[in-house]
Amino acid sequence: MKILITGAAGFIGFHLVKKLAASNFTITGLDNINDYYDVNLKYARLKQSGIEVSEIQYNKKIKSSLLQAYSFIKMDICDEEALNKLFNEEQFDCICNLAAQAGVRYSMENPKAYINSNISGFLNILEACKNNNIKHLVFASSSSVYGINEKIPFSINDKINKPASLYAATKASNELMAHVYSHLYNIPATSLRYFTVYGPWGRPDMAYYKFTKAILENQPIEVYNNADLQRDFTYIDDVIEGTTLAIEKVPQNSPPFAVYNIGNNKTIQINNFIESIEKTLNKKAKKTYLGMQMGDVPITEADIDDTKHELDWEPKTNLNEGLKQFADWYIEYVG
């Protein structure tokens, strides 16, 4: 199977490339390597995938020196002409779209970046799928789509018409857009609603990363909503397993459009989460308590019954084990 993974220099994309490269896939990774966070981390991920960073140029395909079935190309999904040319030349079987402008709070600072990447860029992906007989589109959604829904746990059958941030609104829009293309053009499409993914090689703007960095540097951590927050944390290996199962699912034997929660089905109170990090690092945190941040929601929890039943997937990694894996990587990476 020939597969395109967009966002391949990102956190989830990097891990997915490594996983699928060990299977019967021919993989093209695509990423625009934007500077939303430190690009050196993105380049370091690419190096781990066997991509020679010094050779990276826009619209130039580079073969991995480590992963036999992997090639990388620097490209922006907003570049419609270049994207269409790539689809036409490669004739992919499956697309896994992980490329997006991430982050809830940043969507208040730079809303246009979210419209450009998450709406216009995603439309380019859908059009390219339509025009190139793509057999399956798998794409990253988010637990953020549930917004300020009060029913817990969040079910795929719940309405998603109350987003709390522009980021959430763009992700909900992606699902609606994909449903339209699936319906009109018979494109099998699968939306994966990820719940607070964490682990090695993670994003520096995420709480677990910021907390670990601050504690080790003897800096105070910022705890929002006076610690009255609960999150469903999902370890990266479990997320990759769920994503792989969604990709490998035979599309013609499933509904043309499907949605799955990829979460732990378990909430962790933020103070307990901080205690777990402290225990992992064997060091106490200095805390600064702040109010609720714009765009945040008080709780997330995934109902994964459909995911268990249809994908035969459930998470296996407990929080303490996952945080230990992240801390070991962080200390080695940062030095």
C-alpha atoms as a PDB file:
ATOM      1  CA  MET A   1       0.000   0.000   0.000  1.00  0.00           C
ATOM      2  CA  LYS A   2       1.301   3.455  -0.908  1.00  0.00           C
ATOM      3  CA  ILE A   3       0.473   5.959   1.801  1.00  0.00           C
ATOM      4  CA  LEU A   4       0.977   9.696   2.216  1.00  0.00           C
ATOM      5  CA  ILE A   5       1.439  10.908   5.798  1.00  0.00           C
ATOM      6  CA  THR A   6       1.123  14.676   6.112  1.00  0.00           C
ATOM      7  CA  GLY A   7       2.585  16.310   9.212  1.00  0.00           C
ATOM      8  CA  ALA A   8       5.376  13.712   9.110  1.00  0.00           C
ATOM      9  CA  ALA A   9       7.818  15.901  11.056  1.00  0.00           C
ATOM     10  CA  GLY A  10       5.238  16.374  13.796  1.00  0.00           C
ATOM     11  CA  PHE A  11       4.816  14.411  17.020  1.00  0.00           C
ATOM     12  CA  ILE A  12       2.241  11.846  15.902  1.00  0.00           C
ATOM     13  CA  GLY A  13       3.395  11.798  12.275  1.00  0.00           C
ATOM     14  CA  PHE A  14       6.986  10.972  13.232  1.00  0.00           C
ATOM     15  CA  HIS A  15       5.916   7.982  15.328  1.00  0.00           C
ATOM     16  CA  LEU A  16       3.449   6.798  12.682  1.00  0.00           C
ATOM     17  CA  VAL A  17       6.147   6.817   9.999  1.00  0.00           C
ATOM     18  CA  LYS A  18       8.373   4.590  12.153  1.00  0.00           C
ATOM     19  CA  LYS A  19       5.515   2.206  12.887  1.00  0.00           C
ATOM     20  CA  LEU A  20       4.306   1.833   9.294  1.00  0.00           C
ATOM     21  CA  ALA A  21       7.827   1.604   7.885  1.00  0.00           C
ATOM     22  CA  ALA A  22       8.125  -1.731   9.686  1.00  0.00           C
ATOM     23  CA  SER A  23       4.981  -2.963   7.896  1.00  0.00           C
ATOM     24  CA  ASN A  24       4.071  -3.508   4.259  1.00  0.00           C
ATOM     25  CA  PHE A  25       3.773   0.171   3.344  1.00  0.00           C
ATOM     26  CA  THR A  26       5.556   2.469   0.942  1.00  0.00           C
ATOM     27  CA  ILE A  27       5.493   5.816   2.728  1.00  0.00           C
ATOM     28  CA  THR A  28       5.834   9.414   1.620  1.00  0.00           C
ATOM     29  CA  GLY A  29       6.046  11.899   4.480  1.00  0.00           C
ATOM     30  CA  LEU A  30       5.084  15.531   3.923  1.00  0.00           C
ATOM     31  CA  ASP A  31       5.562  18.528   6.216  1.00  0.00           C
ATOM     32  CA  ASN A  32       6.015  22.276   5.793  1.00  0.00           C
ATOM     33  CA  ILE A  33       8.210  22.442   8.948  1.00  0.00           C
ATOM     34  CA  ASN A  34       6.601  25.653  10.209  1.00  0.00           C
ATOM     35  CA  ASP A  35       7.921  27.524  13.249  1.00  0.00           C
ATOM     36  CA  TYR A  36       4.897  27.201  15.565  1.00  0.00           C
ATOM     37  CA  TYR A  37       7.395  25.548  17.923  1.00  0.00           C
ATOM     38  CA  ASP A  38      11.145  24.915  17.743  1.00  0.00           C
ATOM     39  CA  VAL A  39      11.944  23.609  14.266  1.00  0.00           C
ATOM     40  CA  ASN A  40      15.071  21.930  15.655  1.00  0.00           C
ATOM     41  CA  LEU A  41      12.825  19.358  17.311  1.00  0.00           C
ATOM     42  CA  LYS A  42      11.150  18.703  13.959  1.00  0.00           C
ATOM     43  CA  TYR A  43      14.510  18.332  12.252  1.00  0.00           C
ATOM     44  CA  ALA A  44      15.665  15.999  15.038  1.00  0.00           C
ATOM     45  CA  ARG A  45      12.619  13.793  14.420  1.00  0.00           C
ATOM     46  CA  LEU A  46      13.404  13.718  10.704  1.00  0.00           C
ATOM     47  CA  LYS A  47      17.008  12.726  11.456  1.00  0.00           C
ATOM     48  CA  GLN A  48      15.678   9.852  13.564  1.00  0.00           C
ATOM     49  CA  SER A  49      13.728   8.794  10.475  1.00  0.00           C
ATOM     50  CA  GLY A  50      16.887   8.766   8.361  1.00  0.00           C
ATOM     51  CA  ILE A  51      16.244  12.031   6.505  1.00  0.00           C
ATOM     52  CA  GLU A  52      19.365  14.074   5.785  1.00  0.00           C
ATOM     53  CA  VAL A  53      18.323  17.516   7.016  1.00  0.00           C
ATOM     54  CA  SER A  54      20.957  19.375   4.970  1.00  0.00           C
ATOM     55  CA  GLU A  55      19.316  18.073   1.796  1.00  0.00           C
ATOM     56  CA  ILE A  56      15.821  19.354   2.600  1.00  0.00           C
ATOM     57  CA  GLN A  57      14.496  21.772  -0.008  1.00  0.00           C
ATOM     58  CA  TYR A  58      10.950  22.708  -0.844  1.00  0.00           C
ATOM     59  CA  ASN A  59       9.276  20.180  -3.169  1.00  0.00           C
ATOM     60  CA  LYS A  60      12.320  17.881  -3.214  1.00  0.00           C
ATOM     61  CA  LYS A  61      11.794  14.226  -2.356  1.00  0.00           C
ATOM     62  CA  ILE A  62      14.466  12.716  -0.087  1.00  0.00           C
ATOM     63  CA  LYS A  63      14.959   8.993   0.503  1.00  0.00           C
ATOM     64  CA  SER A  64      15.478   7.807   4.089  1.00  0.00           C
ATOM     65  CA  SER A  65      18.843   6.221   4.875  1.00  0.00           C
ATOM     66  CA  LEU A  66      17.319   4.185   7.731  1.00  0.00           C
ATOM     67  CA  LEU A  67      13.788   3.270   6.680  1.00  0.00           C
ATOM     68  CA  GLN A  68      13.837   1.504   3.321  1.00  0.00           C
ATOM     69  CA  ALA A  69      10.240   2.282   2.383  1.00  0.00           C
ATOM     70  CA  TYR A  70      10.237   5.939   3.465  1.00  0.00           C
ATOM     71  CA  SER A  71      10.765   9.193   1.584  1.00  0.00           C
ATOM     72  CA  PHE A  72      10.163  12.760   2.785  1.00  0.00           C
ATOM     73  CA  ILE A  73       9.162  15.914   0.944  1.00  0.00           C
ATOM     74  CA  LYS A  74       8.946  19.428   2.337  1.00  0.00           C
ATOM     75  CA  MET A  75       5.632  20.836   1.140  1.00  0.00           C
ATOM     76  CA  ASP A  76       2.645  22.796   2.437  1.00  0.00           C
ATOM     77  CA  ILE A  77      -0.849  21.333   2.021  1.00  0.00           C
ATOM     78  CA  CYS A  78      -1.931  24.915   1.294  1.00  0.00           C
ATOM     79  CA  ASP A  79       0.144  24.754  -1.911  1.00  0.00           C
ATOM     80  CA  GLU A  80      -2.619  23.388  -4.115  1.00  0.00           C
ATOM     81  CA  GLU A  81      -0.583  23.133  -7.310  1.00  0.00           C
ATOM     82  CA  ALA A  82       2.346  21.271  -5.724  1.00  0.00           C
ATOM     83  CA  LEU A  83       0.006  18.984  -3.770  1.00  0.00           C
ATOM     84  CA  ASN A  84      -2.004  18.036  -6.865  1.00  0.00           C
ATOM     85  CA  LYS A  85       1.204  17.292  -8.765  1.00  0.00           C
ATOM     86  CA  LEU A  86       2.411  15.035  -5.946  1.00  0.00           C
ATOM     87  CA  PHE A  87      -0.880  13.114  -5.835  1.00  0.00           C
ATOM     88  CA  ASN A  88      -0.916  12.712  -9.608  1.00  0.00           C
ATOM     89  CA  GLU A  89       2.662  11.438  -9.744  1.00  0.00           C
ATOM     90  CA  GLU A  90       2.562   9.090  -6.764  1.00  0.00           C
ATOM     91  CA  GLN A  91      -0.955   7.622  -7.073  1.00  0.00           C
ATOM     92  CA  PHE A  92      -1.339   6.939  -3.356  1.00  0.00           C
ATOM     93  CA  ASP A  93      -3.743   4.307  -2.054  1.00  0.00           C
ATOM     94  CA  CYS A  94      -4.298   5.911   1.348  1.00  0.00           C
ATOM     95  CA  ILE A  95      -3.859   9.373   2.870  1.00  0.00           C
ATOM     96  CA  CYS A  96      -3.277   9.982   6.569  1.00  0.00           C
ATOM     97  CA  ASN A  97      -3.669  13.715   7.105  1.00  0.00           C
ATOM     98  CA  LEU A  98      -2.028  14.808  10.356  1.00  0.00           C
ATOM     99  CA  ALA A  99      -0.935  18.226   9.058  1.00  0.00           C
ATOM    100  CA  ALA A 100      -2.687  21.047  10.885  1.00  0.00           C
ATOM    101  CA  GLN A 101      -2.083  24.198  12.836  1.00  0.00           C
ATOM    102  CA  ALA A 102      -2.158  22.862  16.394  1.00  0.00           C
ATOM    103  CA  GLY A 103      -2.806  24.524  19.742  1.00  0.00           C
ATOM    104  CA  VAL A 104      -5.891  25.954  21.400  1.00  0.00           C
ATOM    105  CA  ARG A 105      -4.492  29.174  22.852  1.00  0.00           C
ATOM    106  CA  TYR A 106      -2.492  30.110  19.773  1.00  0.00           C
ATOM    107  CA  SER A 107      -5.742  30.199  17.803  1.00  0.00           C
ATOM    108  CA  MET A 108      -6.602  33.389  19.704  1.00  0.00           C
ATOM    109  CA  GLU A 109      -3.303  34.979  18.643  1.00  0.00           C
ATOM    110  CA  ASN A 110      -3.136  33.911  15.009  1.00  0.00           C
ATOM    111  CA  PRO A 111      -6.582  32.775  13.807  1.00  0.00           C
ATOM    112  CA  LYS A 112      -5.711  33.053  10.123  1.00  0.00           C
ATOM    113  CA  ALA A 113      -3.088  30.317  10.468  1.00  0.00           C
ATOM    114  CA  TYR A 114      -5.892  27.924  11.462  1.00  0.00           C
ATOM    115  CA  ILE A 115      -8.145  28.891   8.575  1.00  0.00           C
ATOM    116  CA  ASN A 116      -5.267  28.587   6.095  1.00  0.00           C
ATOM    117  CA  SER A 117      -3.980  25.202   7.216  1.00  0.00           C
ATOM    118  CA  ASN A 118      -6.955  23.485   8.836  1.00  0.00           C
ATOM    119  CA  ILE A 119      -9.659  24.658   6.419  1.00  0.00           C
ATOM    120  CA  SER A 120      -8.068  25.656   3.089  1.00  0.00           C
ATOM    121  CA  GLY A 121      -5.280  23.084   3.367  1.00  0.00           C
ATOM    122  CA  PHE A 122      -7.714  20.339   4.312  1.00  0.00           C
ATOM    123  CA  LEU A 123      -9.944  21.265   1.366  1.00  0.00           C
ATOM    124  CA  ASN A 124      -6.913  20.788  -0.902  1.00  0.00           C
ATOM    125  CA  ILE A 125      -6.455  17.301   0.567  1.00  0.00           C
ATOM    126  CA  LEU A 126     -10.119  16.455  -0.052  1.00  0.00           C
ATOM    127  CA  GLU A 127     -10.008  17.719  -3.638  1.00  0.00           C
ATOM    128  CA  ALA A 128      -6.829  15.763  -4.316  1.00  0.00           C
ATOM    129  CA  CYS A 129      -8.467  12.625  -2.879  1.00  0.00           C
ATOM    130  CA  LYS A 130     -11.495  13.148  -5.116  1.00  0.00           C
ATOM    131  CA  ASN A 131      -9.402  13.630  -8.238  1.00  0.00           C
ATOM    132  CA  ASN A 132      -7.028  10.709  -7.666  1.00  0.00           C
ATOM    133  CA  ASN A 133      -9.234   7.776  -6.671  1.00  0.00           C
ATOM    134  CA  ILE A 134      -7.920   7.599  -3.093  1.00  0.00           C
ATOM    135  CA  LYS A 135      -9.166   4.413  -1.438  1.00  0.00           C
ATOM    136  CA  HIS A 136      -9.133   5.688   2.150  1.00  0.00           C
ATOM    137  CA  LEU A 137      -8.633   9.038   3.888  1.00  0.00           C
ATOM    138  CA  VAL A 138      -7.726   8.913   7.581  1.00  0.00           C
ATOM    139  CA  PHE A 139      -7.379  12.279   9.303  1.00  0.00           C
ATOM    140  CA  ALA A 140      -6.650  13.724  12.722  1.00  0.00           C
ATOM    141  CA  SER A 141      -9.504  15.325  14.572  1.00  0.00           C
ATOM    142  CA  SER A 142      -9.422  16.225  18.262  1.00  0.00           C
ATOM    143  CA  SER A 143     -11.222  15.856  21.572  1.00  0.00           C
ATOM    144  CA  SER A 144     -11.554  19.641  21.340  1.00  0.00           C
ATOM    145  CA  VAL A 145     -14.523  19.179  18.989  1.00  0.00           C
ATOM    146  CA  TYR A 146     -16.691  18.277  22.000  1.00  0.00           C
ATOM    147  CA  GLY A 147     -16.228  21.836  23.263  1.00  0.00           C
ATOM    148  CA  ILE A 148     -18.332  22.757  26.272  1.00  0.00           C
ATOM    149  CA  ASN A 149     -20.491  19.626  26.166  1.00  0.00           C
ATOM    150  CA  GLU A 150     -21.391  18.643  29.725  1.00  0.00           C
ATOM    151  CA  LYS A 151     -22.155  14.944  29.221  1.00  0.00           C
ATOM    152  CA  ILE A 152     -19.178  12.789  30.235  1.00  0.00           C
ATOM    153  CA  PRO A 153     -17.624  10.688  28.794  1.00  0.00           C
ATOM    154  CA  PHE A 154     -17.634  12.205  25.317  1.00  0.00           C
ATOM    155  CA  SER A 155     -19.257   9.881  22.782  1.00  0.00           C
ATOM    156  CA  ILE A 156     -18.958   9.945  18.999  1.00  0.00           C
ATOM    157  CA  ASN A 157     -22.765  10.166  19.005  1.00  0.00           C
ATOM    158  CA  ASP A 158     -22.707  13.503  20.875  1.00  0.00           C
ATOM    159  CA  LYS A 159     -23.301  16.740  19.007  1.00  0.00           C
ATOM    160  CA  ILE A 160     -20.201  18.840  18.337  1.00  0.00           C
ATOM    161  CA  ASN A 161     -21.848  22.220  17.836  1.00  0.00           C
ATOM    162  CA  LYS A 162     -20.404  23.993  20.910  1.00  0.00           C
ATOM    163  CA  PRO A 163     -16.671  24.506  20.238  1.00  0.00           C
ATOM    164  CA  ALA A 164     -14.735  26.541  22.805  1.00  0.00           C
ATOM    165  CA  SER A 165     -11.932  27.677  20.484  1.00  0.00           C
ATOM    166  CA  LEU A 166     -11.297  28.405  16.821  1.00  0.00           C
ATOM    167  CA  TYR A 167      -8.983  25.386  16.741  1.00  0.00           C
ATOM    168  CA  ALA A 168     -11.887  23.187  17.857  1.00  0.00           C
ATOM    169  CA  ALA A 169     -14.164  24.800  15.287  1.00  0.00           C
ATOM    170  CA  THR A 170     -11.726  24.019  12.463  1.00  0.00           C
ATOM    171  CA  LYS A 171     -11.456  20.391  13.549  1.00  0.00           C
ATOM    172  CA  ALA A 172     -15.240  20.033  13.699  1.00  0.00           C
ATOM    173  CA  SER A 173     -15.377  21.655  10.250  1.00  0.00           C
ATOM    174  CA  ASN A 174     -12.909  19.069   8.938  1.00  0.00           C
ATOM    175  CA  GLU A 175     -15.294  16.302   9.941  1.00  0.00           C
ATOM    176  CA  LEU A 176     -18.216  17.994   8.200  1.00  0.00           C
ATOM    177  CA  MET A 177     -16.151  18.647   5.078  1.00  0.00           C
ATOM    178  CA  ALA A 178     -14.897  15.051   4.951  1.00  0.00           C
ATOM    179  CA  HIS A 179     -18.426  13.753   5.424  1.00  0.00           C
ATOM    180  CA  VAL A 180     -19.599  15.781   2.414  1.00  0.00           C
ATOM    181  CA  TYR A 181     -16.808  14.438   0.193  1.00  0.00           C
ATOM    182  CA  SER A 182     -17.380  10.913   1.454  1.00  0.00           C
ATOM    183  CA  HIS A 183     -21.088  11.221   0.679  1.00  0.00           C
ATOM    184  CA  LEU A 184     -20.793  12.923  -2.705  1.00  0.00           C
ATOM    185  CA  TYR A 185     -17.758  11.133  -4.111  1.00  0.00           C
ATOM    186  CA  ASN A 186     -17.812   7.821  -2.228  1.00  0.00           C
ATOM    187  CA  ILE A 187     -14.453   8.425  -0.546  1.00  0.00           C
ATOM    188  CA  PRO A 188     -14.059   6.232   2.547  1.00  0.00           C
ATOM    189  CA  ALA A 189     -13.002   8.644   5.299  1.00  0.00           C
ATOM    190  CA  THR A 190     -12.119   8.024   8.938  1.00  0.00           C
ATOM    191  CA  SER A 191     -11.855  10.754  11.579  1.00  0.00           C
ATOM    192  CA  LEU A 192      -9.752  10.081  14.680  1.00  0.00           C
ATOM    193  CA  ARG A 193     -10.520  12.251  17.694  1.00  0.00           C
ATOM    194  CA  TYR A 194      -7.275  12.234  19.677  1.00  0.00           C
ATOM    195  CA  PHE A 195      -7.383  12.895  23.433  1.00  0.00           C
ATOM    196  CA  THR A 196      -4.351  14.738  24.932  1.00  0.00           C
ATOM    197  CA  VAL A 197      -1.537  12.729  23.377  1.00  0.00           C
ATOM    198  CA  TYR A 198       1.748  12.612  25.309  1.00  0.00           C
ATOM    199  CA  GLY A 199       5.099  10.826  25.174  1.00  0.00           C
ATOM    200  CA  PRO A 200       8.678  11.015  23.832  1.00  0.00           C
ATOM    201  CA  TRP A 201       9.320  13.513  21.033  1.00  0.00           C
ATOM    202  CA  GLY A 202       6.174  15.414  22.070  1.00  0.00           C
ATOM    203  CA  ARG A 203       5.242  19.035  21.465  1.00  0.00           C
ATOM    204  CA  PRO A 204       6.837  21.695  23.712  1.00  0.00           C
ATOM    205  CA  ASP A 205       3.552  23.619  24.023  1.00  0.00           C
ATOM    206  CA  MET A 206       1.832  20.724  25.818  1.00  0.00           C
ATOM    207  CA  ALA A 207       1.392  20.801  29.601  1.00  0.00           C
ATOM    208  CA  TYR A 208       3.392  17.652  30.419  1.00  0.00           C
ATOM    209  CA  TYR A 209       6.357  18.975  28.404  1.00  0.00           C
ATOM    210  CA  LYS A 210       6.188  22.462  29.934  1.00  0.00           C
ATOM    211  CA  PHE A 211       5.778  21.075  33.459  1.00  0.00           C
ATOM    212  CA  THR A 212       8.762  18.741  33.091  1.00  0.00           C
ATOM    213  CA  LYS A 213      10.953  21.501  31.671  1.00  0.00           C
ATOM    214  CA  ALA A 214       9.990  23.990  34.390  1.00  0.00           C
ATOM    215  CA  ILE A 215      10.443  21.537  37.277  1.00  0.00           C
ATOM    216  CA  LEU A 216      13.894  20.483  36.099  1.00  0.00           C
ATOM    217  CA  GLU A 217      14.890  24.145  35.658  1.00  0.00           C
ATOM    218  CA  ASN A 218      13.525  25.127  39.104  1.00  0.00           C
ATOM    219  CA  GLN A 219      10.914  27.377  37.526  1.00  0.00           C
ATOM    220  CA  PRO A 220       7.269  27.631  38.656  1.00  0.00           C
ATOM    221  CA  ILE A 221       4.615  25.850  36.609  1.00  0.00           C
ATOM    222  CA  GLU A 222       1.358  27.559  35.681  1.00  0.00           C
ATOM    223  CA  VAL A 223      -1.695  25.621  36.848  1.00  0.00           C
ATOM    224  CA  TYR A 224      -4.909  26.825  35.200  1.00  0.00           C
ATOM    225  CA  ASN A 225      -8.407  27.067  36.644  1.00  0.00           C
ATOM    226  CA  ASN A 226      -6.847  26.753  40.105  1.00  0.00           C
ATOM    227  CA  ALA A 227      -6.191  23.066  39.371  1.00  0.00           C
ATOM    228  CA  ASP A 228      -9.875  22.302  38.765  1.00  0.00           C
ATOM    229  CA  LEU A 229      -9.135  20.532  35.475  1.00  0.00           C
ATOM    230  CA  GLN A 230      -9.343  16.902  34.372  1.00  0.00           C
ATOM    231  CA  ARG A 231      -7.868  15.396  31.243  1.00  0.00           C
ATOM    232  CA  ASP A 232      -7.901  12.077  29.419  1.00  0.00           C
ATOM    233  CA  PHE A 233      -4.193  11.482  28.695  1.00  0.00           C
ATOM    234  CA  THR A 234      -3.324   9.014  25.907  1.00  0.00           C
ATOM    235  CA  TYR A 235       0.182   7.654  25.405  1.00  0.00           C
ATOM    236  CA  ILE A 236       1.714   8.003  21.949  1.00  0.00           C
ATOM    237  CA  ASP A 237       2.262   4.253  21.368  1.00  0.00           C
ATOM    238  CA  ASP A 238      -1.425   3.596  22.025  1.00  0.00           C
ATOM    239  CA  VAL A 239      -2.399   6.423  19.677  1.00  0.00           C
ATOM    240  CA  ILE A 240      -0.167   5.034  16.925  1.00  0.00           C
ATOM    241  CA  GLU A 241      -1.642   1.555  17.368  1.00  0.00           C
ATOM    242  CA  GLY A 242      -5.178   2.957  17.049  1.00  0.00           C
ATOM    243  CA  THR A 243      -4.217   5.030  14.015  1.00  0.00           C
ATOM    244  CA  THR A 244      -2.575   2.036  12.328  1.00  0.00           C
ATOM    245  CA  LEU A 245      -5.661  -0.111  12.883  1.00  0.00           C
ATOM    246  CA  ALA A 246      -7.827   2.641  11.368  1.00  0.00           C
ATOM    247  CA  ILE A 247      -5.560   2.825   8.314  1.00  0.00           C
ATOM    248  CA  GLU A 248      -5.509  -0.946   7.857  1.00  0.00           C
ATOM    249  CA  LYS A 249      -9.263  -1.350   8.263  1.00  0.00           C
ATOM    250  CA  VAL A 250     -10.721  -2.489   4.918  1.00  0.00           C
ATOM    251  CA  PRO A 251     -12.727   0.578   3.794  1.00  0.00           C
ATOM    252  CA  GLN A 252     -15.220  -1.271   1.602  1.00  0.00           C
ATOM    253  CA  ASN A 253     -16.326  -3.332   4.609  1.00  0.00           C
ATOM    254  CA  SER A 254     -17.036  -0.271   6.705  1.00  0.00           C
ATOM    255  CA  PRO A 255     -19.291   2.794   6.459  1.00  0.00           C
ATOM    256  CA  PRO A 256     -17.976   5.366   3.955  1.00  0.00           C
ATOM    257  CA  PHE A 257     -17.512   7.804   6.846  1.00  0.00           C
ATOM    258  CA  ALA A 258     -16.509   6.805  10.389  1.00  0.00           C
ATOM    259  CA  VAL A 259     -15.462   8.575  13.599  1.00  0.00           C
ATOM    260  CA  TYR A 260     -13.475   7.073  16.476  1.00  0.00           C
ATOM    261  CA  ASN A 261     -12.331   8.387  19.842  1.00  0.00           C
ATOM    262  CA  ILE A 262      -8.681   7.580  20.521  1.00  0.00           C
ATOM    263  CA  GLY A 263      -8.457   8.155  24.262  1.00  0.00           C
ATOM    264  CA  ASN A 264      -7.725   6.449  27.551  1.00  0.00           C
ATOM    265  CA  ASN A 265     -11.352   6.371  28.791  1.00  0.00           C
ATOM    266  CA  LYS A 266     -10.043   7.675  32.110  1.00  0.00           C
ATOM    267  CA  THR A 267      -9.678  11.173  33.564  1.00  0.00           C
ATOM    268  CA  ILE A 268      -6.757  12.420  35.632  1.00  0.00           C
ATOM    269  CA  GLN A 269      -7.156  15.420  37.921  1.00  0.00           C
ATOM    270  CA  ILE A 270      -4.445  17.967  37.113  1.00  0.00           C
ATOM    271  CA  ASN A 271      -2.923  17.958  40.611  1.00  0.00           C
ATOM    272  CA  ASN A 272      -2.631  14.170  40.462  1.00  0.00           C
ATOM    273  CA  PHE A 273      -1.016  14.551  37.056  1.00  0.00           C
ATOM    274  CA  ILE A 274       1.530  16.983  38.480  1.00  0.00           C
ATOM    275  CA  GLU A 275       2.229  14.609  41.374  1.00  0.00           C
ATOM    276  CA  SER A 276       2.961  11.843  38.881  1.00  0.00           C
ATOM    277  CA  ILE A 277       5.477  14.071  37.093  1.00  0.00           C
ATOM    278  CA  GLU A 278       7.063  15.033  40.437  1.00  0.00           C
ATOM    279  CA  LYS A 279       7.382  11.366  41.372  1.00  0.00           C
ATOM    280  CA  THR A 280       8.890  10.538  37.987  1.00  0.00           C
ATOM    281  CA  LEU A 281      11.451  13.348  38.262  1.00  0.00           C
ATOM    282  CA  ASN A 282      11.926  12.901  42.022  1.00  0.00           C
ATOM    283  CA  LYS A 283      11.526  16.656  42.348  1.00  0.00           C
ATOM    284  CA  LYS A 284       8.779  18.939  43.636  1.00  0.00           C
ATOM    285  CA  ALA A 285       7.095  21.548  41.464  1.00  0.00           C
ATOM    286  CA  LYS A 286       6.706  25.210  42.327  1.00  0.00           C
ATOM    287  CA  LYS A 287       3.141  26.120  41.401  1.00  0.00           C
ATOM    288  CA  THR A 288       1.506  29.334  40.283  1.00  0.00           C
ATOM    289  CA  TYR A 289      -2.281  29.036  40.251  1.00  0.00           C
ATOM    290  CA  LEU A 290      -4.136  30.948  37.548  1.00  0.00           C
ATOM    291  CA  GLY A 291      -7.734  31.244  36.382  1.00  0.00           C
ATOM    292  CA  MET A 292      -9.388  29.431  33.509  1.00  0.00           C
ATOM    293  CA  GLN A 293      -7.764  30.194  30.187  1.00  0.00           C
ATOM    294  CA  MET A 294      -9.765  31.250  27.146  1.00  0.00           C
ATOM    295  CA  GLY A 295     -10.545  28.282  24.918  1.00  0.00           C
ATOM    296  CA  ASP A 296     -10.003  25.679  27.663  1.00  0.00           C
ATOM    297  CA  VAL A 297     -12.588  23.193  28.852  1.00  0.00           C
ATOM    298  CA  PRO A 298     -12.755  21.794  32.407  1.00  0.00           C
ATOM    299  CA  ILE A 299     -12.794  18.087  31.535  1.00  0.00           C
ATOM    300  CA  THR A 300     -12.218  15.605  28.720  1.00  0.00           C
ATOM    301  CA  GLU A 301     -12.932  11.882  28.790  1.00  0.00           C
ATOM    302  CA  ALA A 302     -13.307   9.490  25.864  1.00  0.00           C
ATOM    303  CA  ASP A 303     -16.020   6.921  25.405  1.00  0.00           C
ATOM    304  CA  ILE A 304     -14.112   4.287  23.413  1.00  0.00           C
ATOM    305  CA  ASP A 305     -16.758   1.559  23.134  1.00  0.00           C
ATOM    306  CA  ASP A 306     -17.049   1.980  19.339  1.00  0.00           C
ATOM    307  CA  THR A 307     -13.264   2.016  18.948  1.00  0.00           C
ATOM    308  CA  LYS A 308     -12.934  -1.207  20.946  1.00  0.00           C
ATOM    309  CA  HIS A 309     -15.700  -2.921  19.016  1.00  0.00           C
ATOM    310  CA  GLU A 310     -14.883  -1.826  15.467  1.00  0.00           C
ATOM    311  CA  LEU A 311     -11.088  -1.455  15.559  1.00  0.00           C
ATOM    312  CA  ASP A 312     -10.372  -3.986  18.318  1.00  0.00           C
ATOM    313  CA  TRP A 313      -8.311  -1.317  20.052  1.00  0.00           C
ATOM    314  CA  GLU A 314      -7.882  -0.138  23.605  1.00  0.00           C
ATOM    315  CA  PRO A 315      -5.069   1.715  25.405  1.00  0.00           C
ATOM    316  CA  LYS A 316      -2.428  -0.305  27.254  1.00  0.00           C
ATOM    317  CA  THR A 317      -0.045   2.257  28.787  1.00  0.00           C
ATOM    318  CA  ASN A 318      -0.696   3.650  32.267  1.00  0.00           C
ATOM    319  CA  LEU A 319       0.169   7.255  33.086  1.00  0.00           C
ATOM    320  CA  ASN A 320       3.186   6.592  35.328  1.00  0.00           C
ATOM    321  CA  GLU A 321       4.769   4.316  32.748  1.00  0.00           C
ATOM    322  CA  GLY A 322       4.141   6.815  29.964  1.00  0.00           C
ATOM    323  CA  LEU A 323       5.521   9.767  31.924  1.00  0.00           C
ATOM    324  CA  LYS A 324       8.646   7.750  32.772  1.00  0.00           C
ATOM    325  CA  GLN A 325       9.214   7.088  29.069  1.00  0.00           C
ATOM    326  CA  PHE A 326       8.768  10.784  28.299  1.00  0.00           C
ATOM    327  CA  ALA A 327      11.055  11.956  31.133  1.00  0.00           C
ATOM    328  CA  ASP A 328      13.826   9.567  30.080  1.00  0.00           C
ATOM    329  CA  TRP A 329      13.606  10.858  26.510  1.00  0.00           C
ATOM    330  CA  TYR A 330      13.451  14.511  27.604  1.00  0.00           C
ATOM    331  CA  ILE A 331      16.536  14.288  29.808  1.00  0.00           C
ATOM    332  CA  GLU A 332      18.474  12.579  27.024  1.00  0.00           C
ATOM    333  CA  TYR A 333      17.265  15.022  24.346  1.00  0.00           C
ATOM    334  CA  VAL A 334      17.787  18.232  26.308  1.00  0.00           C
ATOM    335  CA  GLY A 335      20.936  17.034  28.043  1.00  0.00           C
END
